[in-house]
C-alpha atoms as a PDB file:
ATOM      1  CA  UNK A   1      10.615   7.362   3.146  1.00  0.00           C
ATOM      2  CA  UNK A   2       7.709   8.274   0.175  1.00  0.00           C
ATOM      3  CA  UNK A   3       5.590   5.416  -1.552  1.00  0.00           C
ATOM      4  CA  UNK A   4       6.526   5.715  -5.231  1.00  0.00           C
ATOM      5  CA  UNK A   5       4.614   3.712  -7.827  1.00  0.00           C
ATOM      6  CA  UNK A   6       5.266   2.742 -11.144  1.00  0.00           C
ATOM      7  CA  UNK A   7       2.699   2.770 -14.203  1.00  0.00           C
ATOM      8  CA  UNK A   8       1.765  -0.812 -13.409  1.00  0.00           C
ATOM      9  CA  UNK A   9       0.775   0.301  -9.508  1.00  0.00           C
ATOM     10  CA  UNK A  10       3.932  -1.243  -8.482  1.00  0.00           C
ATOM     11  CA  UNK A  11       5.400  -0.079  -5.005  1.00  0.00           C
ATOM     12  CA  UNK A  12       8.982   0.867  -6.539  1.00  0.00           C
ATOM     13  CA  UNK A  13      10.879  -0.637  -3.564  1.00  0.00           C
ATOM     14  CA  UNK A  14      14.129   0.847  -2.721  1.00  0.00           C
ATOM     15  CA  UNK A  15      16.416  -2.099  -2.263  1.00  0.00           C
ATOM     16  CA  UNK A  16      18.866  -4.250  -3.722  1.00  0.00           C
ATOM     17  CA  UNK A  17      17.142  -7.488  -4.643  1.00  0.00           C
ATOM     18  CA  UNK A  18      20.182  -9.388  -5.267  1.00  0.00           C
ATOM     19  CA  UNK A  19      22.219  -8.545  -2.029  1.00  0.00           C
ATOM     20  CA  UNK A  20      19.363  -8.263   0.748  1.00  0.00           C
ATOM     21  CA  UNK A  21      16.196  -8.154  -0.466  1.00  0.00           C
ATOM     22  CA  UNK A  22      14.162  -6.082   2.240  1.00  0.00           C
ATOM     23  CA  UNK A  23      12.968  -2.615   2.849  1.00  0.00           C
ATOM     24  CA  UNK A  24      12.226  -1.135   5.965  1.00  0.00           C
ATOM     25  CA  UNK A  25       9.679   2.117   6.140  1.00  0.00           C
ATOM     26  CA  UNK A  26       8.663   4.313   8.793  1.00  0.00           C
ATOM     27  CA  UNK A  27       7.386   7.380   9.053  1.00  0.00           C
ATOM     28  CA  UNK A  28       5.251   7.073   5.460  1.00  0.00           C
ATOM     29  CA  UNK A  29       1.960   7.949   6.468  1.00  0.00           C
ATOM     30  CA  UNK A  30       3.359  11.496   7.867  1.00  0.00           C
ATOM     31  CA  UNK A  31       4.248  12.287   4.524  1.00  0.00           C
ATOM     32  CA  UNK A  32       1.010  11.483   3.051  1.00  0.00           C
ATOM     33  CA  UNK A  33      -2.173  13.724   2.583  1.00  0.00           C
ATOM     34  CA  UNK A  34      -4.674  13.084   5.059  1.00  0.00           C
ATOM     35  CA  UNK A  35      -2.506  10.206   6.098  1.00  0.00           C
ATOM     36  CA  UNK A  36      -3.619   7.785   3.481  1.00  0.00           C
ATOM     37  CA  UNK A  37      -1.722   5.369   1.261  1.00  0.00           C
ATOM     38  CA  UNK A  38      -2.839   5.160  -2.250  1.00  0.00           C
ATOM     39  CA  UNK A  39      -3.672   1.522  -3.400  1.00  0.00           C
ATOM     40  CA  UNK A  40      -1.388   0.001  -4.861  1.00  0.00           C
ATOM     41  CA  UNK A  41       0.382  -3.517  -4.889  1.00  0.00           C
ATOM     42  CA  UNK A  42       3.880  -5.140  -5.386  1.00  0.00           C
ATOM     43  CA  UNK A  43       4.737  -8.578  -5.539  1.00  0.00           C
ATOM     44  CA  UNK A  44       6.564  -8.880  -2.637  1.00  0.00           C
ATOM     45  CA  UNK A  45       5.525  -9.570   0.888  1.00  0.00           C
ATOM     46  CA  UNK A  46       4.582  -6.826   3.738  1.00  0.00           C
ATOM     47  CA  UNK A  47       4.813  -6.527   7.491  1.00  0.00           C
ATOM     48  CA  UNK A  48       3.171  -3.733   9.072  1.00  0.00           C
ATOM     49  CA  UNK A  49       2.778  -2.571  12.975  1.00  0.00           C
ATOM     50  CA  UNK A  50       0.592  -0.175  14.765  1.00  0.00           C
ATOM     51  CA  UNK A  51       2.942   1.533  17.403  1.00  0.00           C
ATOM     52  CA  UNK A  52      -0.138   4.467  18.853  1.00  0.00           C
ATOM     53  CA  UNK A  53      -3.130   4.859  16.743  1.00  0.00           C
ATOM     54  CA  UNK A  54      -5.431   2.925  14.646  1.00  0.00           C
ATOM     55  CA  UNK A  55      -5.675   2.243  11.602  1.00  0.00           C
ATOM     56  CA  UNK A  56      -7.700   1.225   8.363  1.00  0.00           C
ATOM     57  CA  UNK A  57      -5.907  -1.062   6.320  1.00  0.00           C
ATOM     58  CA  UNK A  58      -7.708  -2.037   3.305  1.00  0.00           C
ATOM     59  CA  UNK A  59      -6.594  -5.726   1.391  1.00  0.00           C
ATOM     60  CA  UNK A  60      -8.970  -6.496  -1.848  1.00  0.00           C
ATOM     61  CA  UNK A  61     -12.077  -5.502  -0.748  1.00  0.00           C
ATOM     62  CA  UNK A  62     -11.843  -6.242   2.812  1.00  0.00           C
ATOM     63  CA  UNK A  63     -11.286  -3.260   5.376  1.00  0.00           C
ATOM     64  CA  UNK A  64      -8.921  -4.681   8.935  1.00  0.00           C
ATOM     65  CA  UNK A  65      -8.789  -2.370  11.634  1.00  0.00           C
ATOM     66  CA  UNK A  66      -5.438  -2.561  13.416  1.00  0.00           C
ATOM     67  CA  UNK A  67      -4.873  -1.467  16.830  1.00  0.00           C
ATOM     68  CA  UNK A  68      -1.719  -0.816  18.988  1.00  0.00           C
ATOM     69  CA  UNK A  69       0.504  -3.569  19.199  1.00  0.00           C
ATOM     70  CA  UNK A  70      -1.281  -5.240  16.155  1.00  0.00           C
ATOM     71  CA  UNK A  71       0.725  -6.804  12.966  1.00  0.00           C
ATOM     72  CA  UNK A  72      -0.558  -7.457   9.395  1.00  0.00           C
ATOM     73  CA  UNK A  73       0.793  -9.906   7.094  1.00  0.00           C
ATOM     74  CA  UNK A  74       0.006  -8.808   3.411  1.00  0.00           C
ATOM     75  CA  UNK A  75       0.868 -11.761   0.562  1.00  0.00           C
ATOM     76  CA  UNK A  76       2.232 -10.448  -2.599  1.00  0.00           C
ATOM     77  CA  UNK A  77       0.395  -8.969  -5.229  1.00  0.00           C
ATOM     78  CA  UNK A  78      -2.467  -7.826  -3.104  1.00  0.00           C
ATOM     79  CA  UNK A  79      -4.520  -4.641  -3.625  1.00  0.00           C
ATOM     80  CA  UNK A  80      -3.702  -2.917  -0.537  1.00  0.00           C
ATOM     81  CA  UNK A  81      -3.348   0.379   1.367  1.00  0.00           C
ATOM     82  CA  UNK A  82      -3.324   2.089   4.954  1.00  0.00           C
ATOM     83  CA  UNK A  83      -5.294   4.832   6.419  1.00  0.00           C
ATOM     84  CA  UNK A  84      -4.807   6.777   9.472  1.00  0.00           C
ATOM     85  CA  UNK A  85      -8.042   6.923  11.529  1.00  0.00           C
ATOM     86  CA  UNK A  86      -8.790  10.101  13.525  1.00  0.00           C
ATOM     87  CA  UNK A  87      -5.586  11.351  15.751  1.00  0.00           C
ATOM     88  CA  UNK A  88      -3.638  14.323  16.292  1.00  0.00           C
ATOM     89  CA  UNK A  89      -0.266  12.800  15.040  1.00  0.00           C
ATOM     90  CA  UNK A  90       0.735  10.865  11.963  1.00  0.00           C
ATOM     91  CA  UNK A  91       1.391   7.047  13.283  1.00  0.00           C
ATOM     92  CA  UNK A  92       4.507   6.159  12.732  1.00  0.00           C
ATOM     93  CA  UNK A  93       3.527   2.560  11.496  1.00  0.00           C
ATOM     94  CA  UNK A  94       6.943   0.365  11.123  1.00  0.00           C
ATOM     95  CA  UNK A  95       6.607  -1.997   8.016  1.00  0.00           C
ATOM     96  CA  UNK A  96       9.132  -3.882   5.514  1.00  0.00           C
ATOM     97  CA  UNK A  97       8.699  -4.837   2.446  1.00  0.00           C
ATOM     98  CA  UNK A  98      10.289  -8.238   1.306  1.00  0.00           C
ATOM     99  CA  UNK A  99      10.816 -11.242  -1.160  1.00  0.00           C
ATOM    100  CA  UNK A 100      10.896 -14.108   0.009  1.00  0.00           C
ATOM    101  CA  UNK A 101      14.111 -14.899  -1.580  1.00  0.00           C
ATOM    102  CA  UNK A 102      15.464 -13.222   1.933  1.00  0.00           C
ATOM    103  CA  UNK A 103      14.553 -16.720   3.571  1.00  0.00           C
ATOM    104  CA  UNK A 104      15.856 -19.190   0.703  1.00  0.00           C
ATOM    105  CA  UNK A 105      16.457 -18.677  -3.436  1.00  0.00           C
ATOM    106  CA  UNK A 106      13.437 -18.862  -5.382  1.00  0.00           C
ATOM    107  CA  UNK A 107      14.932 -22.842  -6.941  1.00  0.00           C
ATOM    108  CA  UNK A 108      15.851 -24.045  -3.002  1.00  0.00           C
ATOM    109  CA  UNK A 109      13.097 -26.962  -1.842  1.00  0.00           C
ATOM    110  CA  UNK A 110      13.055 -24.400   1.244  1.00  0.00           C
ATOM    111  CA  UNK A 111      11.378 -21.806  -0.941  1.00  0.00           C
ATOM    112  CA  UNK A 112       9.205 -24.295  -2.828  1.00  0.00           C
ATOM    113  CA  UNK A 113       7.854 -26.598   0.049  1.00  0.00           C
ATOM    114  CA  UNK A 114       7.433 -23.341   2.659  1.00  0.00           C
ATOM    115  CA  UNK A 115       7.046 -20.174   0.914  1.00  0.00           C
ATOM    116  CA  UNK A 116       5.758 -20.759  -2.395  1.00  0.00           C
ATOM    117  CA  UNK A 117       2.349 -22.749  -1.498  1.00  0.00           C
ATOM    118  CA  UNK A 118       1.563 -19.165   0.842  1.00  0.00           C
ATOM    119  CA  UNK A 119       2.621 -16.821  -1.631  1.00  0.00           C
ATOM    120  CA  UNK A 120       0.587 -18.477  -4.257  1.00  0.00           C
ATOM    121  CA  UNK A 121      -3.021 -18.833  -1.777  1.00  0.00           C
ATOM    122  CA  UNK A 122      -5.309 -16.653  -3.276  1.00  0.00           C
ATOM    123  CA  UNK A 123      -7.789 -17.293  -0.345  1.00  0.00           C
ATOM    124  CA  UNK A 124      -5.004 -15.989   2.352  1.00  0.00           C
ATOM    125  CA  UNK A 125      -4.586 -11.837   1.350  1.00  0.00           C
ATOM    126  CA  UNK A 126      -3.556 -11.278   4.981  1.00  0.00           C
ATOM    127  CA  UNK A 127      -3.177 -12.682   8.237  1.00  0.00           C
ATOM    128  CA  UNK A 128      -3.504 -10.342  11.154  1.00  0.00           C
ATOM    129  CA  UNK A 129      -1.288 -10.765  14.650  1.00  0.00           C
ATOM    130  CA  UNK A 130      -3.211  -9.451  17.180  1.00  0.00           C
ATOM    131  CA  UNK A 131      -1.550  -7.654  20.408  1.00  0.00           C
ATOM    132  CA  UNK A 132      -4.335  -9.435  22.648  1.00  0.00           C
ATOM    133  CA  UNK A 133      -4.151 -12.803  21.319  1.00  0.00           C
ATOM    134  CA  UNK A 134      -1.258 -15.104  23.325  1.00  0.00           C
ATOM    135  CA  UNK A 135      -0.645 -16.820  20.714  1.00  0.00           C
ATOM    136  CA  UNK A 136       0.162 -14.322  18.507  1.00  0.00           C
ATOM    137  CA  UNK A 137       3.204 -12.845  20.668  1.00  0.00           C
ATOM    138  CA  UNK A 138       5.490 -14.610  19.608  1.00  0.00           C
ATOM    139  CA  UNK A 139       5.137 -13.788  16.227  1.00  0.00           C
ATOM    140  CA  UNK A 140       4.839 -10.052  17.139  1.00  0.00           C
ATOM    141  CA  UNK A 141       7.990  -9.849  19.085  1.00  0.00           C
ATOM    142  CA  UNK A 142       9.869 -11.081  16.011  1.00  0.00           C
ATOM    143  CA  UNK A 143       8.510  -8.446  13.877  1.00  0.00           C
ATOM    144  CA  UNK A 144       9.632  -5.596  16.386  1.00  0.00           C
ATOM    145  CA  UNK A 145      12.638  -7.357  16.649  1.00  0.00           C
ATOM    146  CA  UNK A 146      13.227  -7.281  12.735  1.00  0.00           C
ATOM    147  CA  UNK A 147      12.349  -3.677  12.967  1.00  0.00           C
ATOM    148  CA  UNK A 148      15.147  -2.835  15.304  1.00  0.00           C
ATOM    149  CA  UNK A 149      17.881  -5.033  13.141  1.00  0.00           C
ATOM    150  CA  UNK A 150      16.972  -3.333   9.873  1.00  0.00           C
ATOM    151  CA  UNK A 151      17.073   0.035  12.058  1.00  0.00           C
ATOM    152  CA  UNK A 152      20.569  -0.127  13.798  1.00  0.00           C
ATOM    153  CA  UNK A 153      22.097  -2.721  11.595  1.00  0.00           C
ATOM    154  CA  UNK A 154      24.709  -4.060  14.078  1.00  0.00           C
ATOM    155  CA  UNK A 155      27.061  -7.013  12.926  1.00  0.00           C
ATOM    156  CA  UNK A 156      25.352  -9.991  11.613  1.00  0.00           C
ATOM    157  CA  UNK A 157      21.979  -7.855  11.333  1.00  0.00           C
ATOM    158  CA  UNK A 158      21.241  -9.863   8.379  1.00  0.00           C
ATOM    159  CA  UNK A 159      20.939 -13.215   9.615  1.00  0.00           C
ATOM    160  CA  UNK A 160      18.841 -12.191  12.617  1.00  0.00           C
ATOM    161  CA  UNK A 161      16.310 -10.787   9.833  1.00  0.00           C
ATOM    162  CA  UNK A 162      16.596 -13.995   7.953  1.00  0.00           C
ATOM    163  CA  UNK A 163      16.537 -16.242  10.774  1.00  0.00           C
ATOM    164  CA  UNK A 164      12.975 -14.108  12.171  1.00  0.00           C
ATOM    165  CA  UNK A 165      11.245 -14.194   8.904  1.00  0.00           C
ATOM    166  CA  UNK A 166      12.457 -18.010   8.662  1.00  0.00           C
ATOM    167  CA  UNK A 167      10.294 -18.186  11.744  1.00  0.00           C
ATOM    168  CA  UNK A 168       7.433 -16.599  11.046  1.00  0.00           C
ATOM    169  CA  UNK A 169       6.875 -18.431   7.752  1.00  0.00           C
ATOM    170  CA  UNK A 170       7.366 -21.516   9.518  1.00  0.00           C
ATOM    171  CA  UNK A 171       4.488 -20.694  12.052  1.00  0.00           C
ATOM    172  CA  UNK A 172       2.226 -19.255   9.055  1.00  0.00           C
ATOM    173  CA  UNK A 173       3.228 -23.034   7.285  1.00  0.00           C
ATOM    174  CA  UNK A 174       2.406 -25.147  10.633  1.00  0.00           C
ATOM    175  CA  UNK A 175      -1.023 -23.152  11.140  1.00  0.00           C
ATOM    176  CA  UNK A 176      -1.846 -22.326   7.776  1.00  0.00           C
ATOM    177  CA  UNK A 177      -4.973 -24.676   8.252  1.00  0.00           C
ATOM    178  CA  UNK A 178      -6.233 -22.707  11.299  1.00  0.00           C
ATOM    179  CA  UNK A 179      -6.166 -19.177   9.524  1.00  0.00           C
ATOM    180  CA  UNK A 180      -9.290 -17.662   8.337  1.00  0.00           C
ATOM    181  CA  UNK A 181      -9.719 -18.129   4.372  1.00  0.00           C
ATOM    182  CA  UNK A 182     -11.478 -15.915   1.869  1.00  0.00           C
ATOM    183  CA  UNK A 183     -13.178 -17.211  -0.810  1.00  0.00           C
ATOM    184  CA  UNK A 184     -11.687 -15.622  -4.179  1.00  0.00           C
ATOM    185  CA  UNK A 185     -14.190 -16.081  -7.326  1.00  0.00           C
ATOM    186  CA  UNK A 186     -13.273 -15.351 -10.933  1.00  0.00           C
ATOM    187  CA  UNK A 187     -15.631 -12.395 -10.818  1.00  0.00           C
ATOM    188  CA  UNK A 188     -13.570 -11.064  -8.168  1.00  0.00           C
ATOM    189  CA  UNK A 189     -10.235 -11.578  -9.762  1.00  0.00           C
ATOM    190  CA  UNK A 190     -11.384  -9.936 -12.999  1.00  0.00           C
ATOM    191  CA  UNK A 191     -12.614  -6.625 -11.168  1.00  0.00           C
ATOM    192  CA  UNK A 192      -8.942  -6.528  -9.502  1.00  0.00           C
ATOM    193  CA  UNK A 193      -7.514  -7.013 -12.797  1.00  0.00           C
ATOM    194  CA  UNK A 194      -9.398  -4.443 -14.452  1.00  0.00           C
ATOM    195  CA  UNK A 195      -9.045  -1.763 -11.606  1.00  0.00           C
ATOM    196  CA  UNK A 196      -5.455  -2.016 -12.106  1.00  0.00           C
ATOM    197  CA  UNK A 197      -5.494  -1.319 -15.532  1.00  0.00           C
ATOM    198  CA  UNK A 198      -7.723   1.423 -14.854  1.00  0.00           C
ATOM    199  CA  UNK A 199      -5.899   2.809 -11.984  1.00  0.00           C
ATOM    200  CA  UNK A 200      -2.215   2.534 -13.766  1.00  0.00           C
ATOM    201  CA  UNK A 201      -3.536   4.524 -16.868  1.00  0.00           C
ATOM    202  CA  UNK A 202      -4.675   7.474 -14.381  1.00  0.00           C
ATOM    203  CA  UNK A 203      -1.141   7.242 -12.504  1.00  0.00           C
ATOM    204  CA  UNK A 204       0.215   7.682 -15.981  1.00  0.00           C
ATOM    205  CA  UNK A 205      -2.038   9.702 -17.811  1.00  0.00           C
ATOM    206  CA  UNK A 206      -3.290  12.147 -15.241  1.00  0.00           C
ATOM    207  CA  UNK A 207      -1.567  15.280 -16.254  1.00  0.00           C
ATOM    208  CA  UNK A 208      -3.755  14.876 -19.498  1.00  0.00           C
ATOM    209  CA  UNK A 209      -7.269  15.250 -20.247  1.00  0.00           C
ATOM    210  CA  UNK A 210      -8.824  12.006 -19.474  1.00  0.00           C
ATOM    211  CA  UNK A 211     -12.658  11.371 -19.830  1.00  0.00           C
ATOM    212  CA  UNK A 212     -14.778   8.500 -17.675  1.00  0.00           C
ATOM    213  CA  UNK A 213     -14.624   6.614 -21.389  1.00  0.00           C
ATOM    214  CA  UNK A 214     -10.451   6.711 -21.432  1.00  0.00           C
ATOM    215  CA  UNK A 215     -10.589   5.377 -18.105  1.00  0.00           C
ATOM    216  CA  UNK A 216     -12.709   2.552 -18.900  1.00  0.00           C
ATOM    217  CA  UNK A 217     -11.436   1.511 -22.340  1.00  0.00           C
ATOM    218  CA  UNK A 218      -8.116   0.867 -20.291  1.00  0.00           C
ATOM    219  CA  UNK A 219      -9.577  -2.336 -19.022  1.00  0.00           C
ATOM    220  CA  UNK A 220     -11.647  -2.628 -22.462  1.00  0.00           C
ATOM    221  CA  UNK A 221     -15.025  -2.245 -20.271  1.00  0.00           C
ATOM    222  CA  UNK A 222     -17.974  -0.153 -20.209  1.00  0.00           C
ATOM    223  CA  UNK A 223     -18.371   2.858 -18.651  1.00  0.00           C
ATOM    224  CA  UNK A 224     -20.992   1.487 -16.154  1.00  0.00           C
ATOM    225  CA  UNK A 225     -18.773  -1.399 -15.154  1.00  0.00           C
ATOM    226  CA  UNK A 226     -15.634   0.864 -14.821  1.00  0.00           C
ATOM    227  CA  UNK A 227     -18.281   2.735 -12.147  1.00  0.00           C
ATOM    228  CA  UNK A 228     -18.777  -0.784 -10.152  1.00  0.00           C
ATOM    229  CA  UNK A 229     -15.285  -1.678 -10.192  1.00  0.00           C
ATOM    230  CA  UNK A 230     -14.002   1.573  -8.673  1.00  0.00           C
ATOM    231  CA  UNK A 231     -17.107   1.425  -5.917  1.00  0.00           C
ATOM    232  CA  UNK A 232     -16.399  -1.931  -4.849  1.00  0.00           C
ATOM    233  CA  UNK A 233     -12.902  -1.182  -4.335  1.00  0.00           C
ATOM    234  CA  UNK A 234     -12.486   2.274  -3.778  1.00  0.00           C
ATOM    235  CA  UNK A 235     -16.103   3.706  -2.807  1.00  0.00           C
ATOM    236  CA  UNK A 236     -15.972   6.348  -5.330  1.00  0.00           C
ATOM    237  CA  UNK A 237     -16.434   7.027  -9.030  1.00  0.00           C
ATOM    238  CA  UNK A 238     -13.534   6.589 -11.758  1.00  0.00           C
ATOM    239  CA  UNK A 239     -13.458  10.202 -12.271  1.00  0.00           C
ATOM    240  CA  UNK A 240     -13.296  11.285  -8.605  1.00  0.00           C
ATOM    241  CA  UNK A 241     -10.305   8.671  -7.778  1.00  0.00           C
ATOM    242  CA  UNK A 242      -8.863  10.567 -10.997  1.00  0.00           C
ATOM    243  CA  UNK A 243      -9.572  14.067  -9.363  1.00  0.00           C
ATOM    244  CA  UNK A 244      -8.430  12.627  -6.002  1.00  0.00           C
ATOM    245  CA  UNK A 245      -4.786  11.216  -7.497  1.00  0.00           C
ATOM    246  CA  UNK A 246      -4.512  14.622  -9.248  1.00  0.00           C
ATOM    247  CA  UNK A 247      -4.904  16.269  -5.811  1.00  0.00           C
ATOM    248  CA  UNK A 248      -2.010  13.802  -4.077  1.00  0.00           C
ATOM    249  CA  UNK A 249       0.285  14.719  -6.555  1.00  0.00           C
ATOM    250  CA  UNK A 250      -0.401  18.568  -6.339  1.00  0.00           C
ATOM    251  CA  UNK A 251      -0.078  17.970  -2.599  1.00  0.00           C
ATOM    252  CA  UNK A 252       3.898  16.852  -3.167  1.00  0.00           C
ATOM    253  CA  UNK A 253       4.601  19.763  -5.537  1.00  0.00           C
ATOM    254  CA  UNK A 254       3.231  22.191  -3.159  1.00  0.00           C
ATOM    255  CA  UNK A 255       5.211  21.254  -0.283  1.00  0.00           C
ATOM    256  CA  UNK A 256       8.443  21.628  -2.778  1.00  0.00           C
ATOM    257  CA  UNK A 257       7.487  24.925  -3.366  1.00  0.00           C
ATOM    258  CA  UNK A 258       9.424  25.216  -6.748  1.00  0.00           C
ATOM    259  CA  UNK A 259       6.429  25.801  -8.964  1.00  0.00           C
ATOM    260  CA  UNK A 260       3.300  28.304  -9.198  1.00  0.00           C
ATOM    261  CA  UNK A 261       0.087  27.567  -8.029  1.00  0.00           C
ATOM    262  CA  UNK A 262      -0.905  27.966 -11.882  1.00  0.00           C
ATOM    263  CA  UNK A 263       1.960  25.538 -13.163  1.00  0.00           C
ATOM    264  CA  UNK A 264       1.213  22.970  -9.960  1.00  0.00           C
ATOM    265  CA  UNK A 265      -2.499  23.203 -11.375  1.00  0.00           C
ATOM    266  CA  UNK A 266      -1.884  22.613 -14.933  1.00  0.00           C
ATOM    267  CA  UNK A 267       0.960  20.085 -14.178  1.00  0.00           C
ATOM    268  CA  UNK A 268      -2.093  17.942 -12.690  1.00  0.00           C
ATOM    269  CA  UNK A 269      -4.353  18.247 -14.728  1.00  0.00           C
ATOM    270  CA  UNK A 270      -6.444  20.727 -13.838  1.00  0.00           C
ATOM    271  CA  UNK A 271      -7.466  23.243 -16.626  1.00  0.00           C
ATOM    272  CA  UNK A 272      -8.579  25.982 -13.755  1.00  0.00           C
ATOM    273  CA  UNK A 273      -6.724  27.089 -11.144  1.00  0.00           C
ATOM    274  CA  UNK A 274     -10.131  27.954  -9.665  1.00  0.00           C
ATOM    275  CA  UNK A 275     -11.474  24.719 -10.101  1.00  0.00           C
ATOM    276  CA  UNK A 276      -8.496  23.253  -8.510  1.00  0.00           C
ATOM    277  CA  UNK A 277      -8.119  25.377  -5.376  1.00  0.00           C
ATOM    278  CA  UNK A 278     -11.489  24.670  -4.307  1.00  0.00           C
ATOM    279  CA  UNK A 279     -11.121  20.767  -4.961  1.00  0.00           C
ATOM    280  CA  UNK A 280      -8.012  21.318  -3.049  1.00  0.00           C
ATOM    281  CA  UNK A 281      -9.969  23.221  -0.049  1.00  0.00           C
ATOM    282  CA  UNK A 282     -12.465  20.731  -0.192  1.00  0.00           C
ATOM    283  CA  UNK A 283     -10.309  17.442   0.633  1.00  0.00           C
ATOM    284  CA  UNK A 284      -7.563  19.129   2.547  1.00  0.00           C
ATOM    285  CA  UNK A 285      -9.708  21.480   4.845  1.00  0.00           C
ATOM    286  CA  UNK A 286      -7.194  24.465   3.092  1.00  0.00           C
ATOM    287  CA  UNK A 287      -6.518  26.406   0.000  1.00  0.00           C
ATOM    288  CA  UNK A 288      -3.425  25.640  -1.458  1.00  0.00           C
ATOM    289  CA  UNK A 289      -1.904  29.069  -1.331  1.00  0.00           C
ATOM    290  CA  UNK A 290      -1.637  28.809   2.008  1.00  0.00           C
ATOM    291  CA  UNK A 291       0.841  25.520   1.694  1.00  0.00           C
ATOM    292  CA  UNK A 292       3.067  27.575  -0.632  1.00  0.00           C
ATOM    293  CA  UNK A 293       2.987  30.627   1.636  1.00  0.00           C
ATOM    294  CA  UNK A 294       4.002  28.481   5.132  1.00  0.00           C
END
């Protein structure tokens, strides 16, 4: 199931929040260019697990290397993305995105006492449950059982999932002081907000003619400050991020095979088919015309 973002960088989760606010995904990376997800955020929690490869998970400005059997808990409202490191086949990476409301209503004492403090803890952007840490074995088993329950959906699976998540949050709450914390400064918070505004502008206006000035003005900052924000979080310039996003959109359109090369080029904001083709080949290693023929 593909990752879909709205113009506020929120991932559009396909679950009925009033019914059972949790979504299960698998094989997402196989649908993404270079097996790398876009930088995005959502108000829900997320847990992802590595099954057979090695992943680079970016949360905020931190990069975490995940190995086979490792699981990562990502707190709500954190900018994040996952990229598979070199391999022959895409990593399945089962993952869940869920609201704390799965465990208890937001108005309940359980939510306010045990879930809300974790959700609002800026210094705890993520927790890694390592496969070779014996104290994490139980959590990793609970996570795997959640995947199985959501996949098979046998009788009472919702109750099993709720119980497993409750146990995970009980563990996090009980050992809260033992988890490594990240000091988050006001400067870092402001930088993330600015980046969200600029990426939001790119995601909404990528098909139009966009300048560096336009991107910077979306966050009401200078062009040099815009460059610093993008370099800190994405390791590239704002214009490079724009080109990369346009190419990601083009990659999806090429797979649909309903438009011509020229139509795809213009739909993605490239005014020259030749320039689009050169950039596409540079990033993906083959010409876009090849994708249309196959």
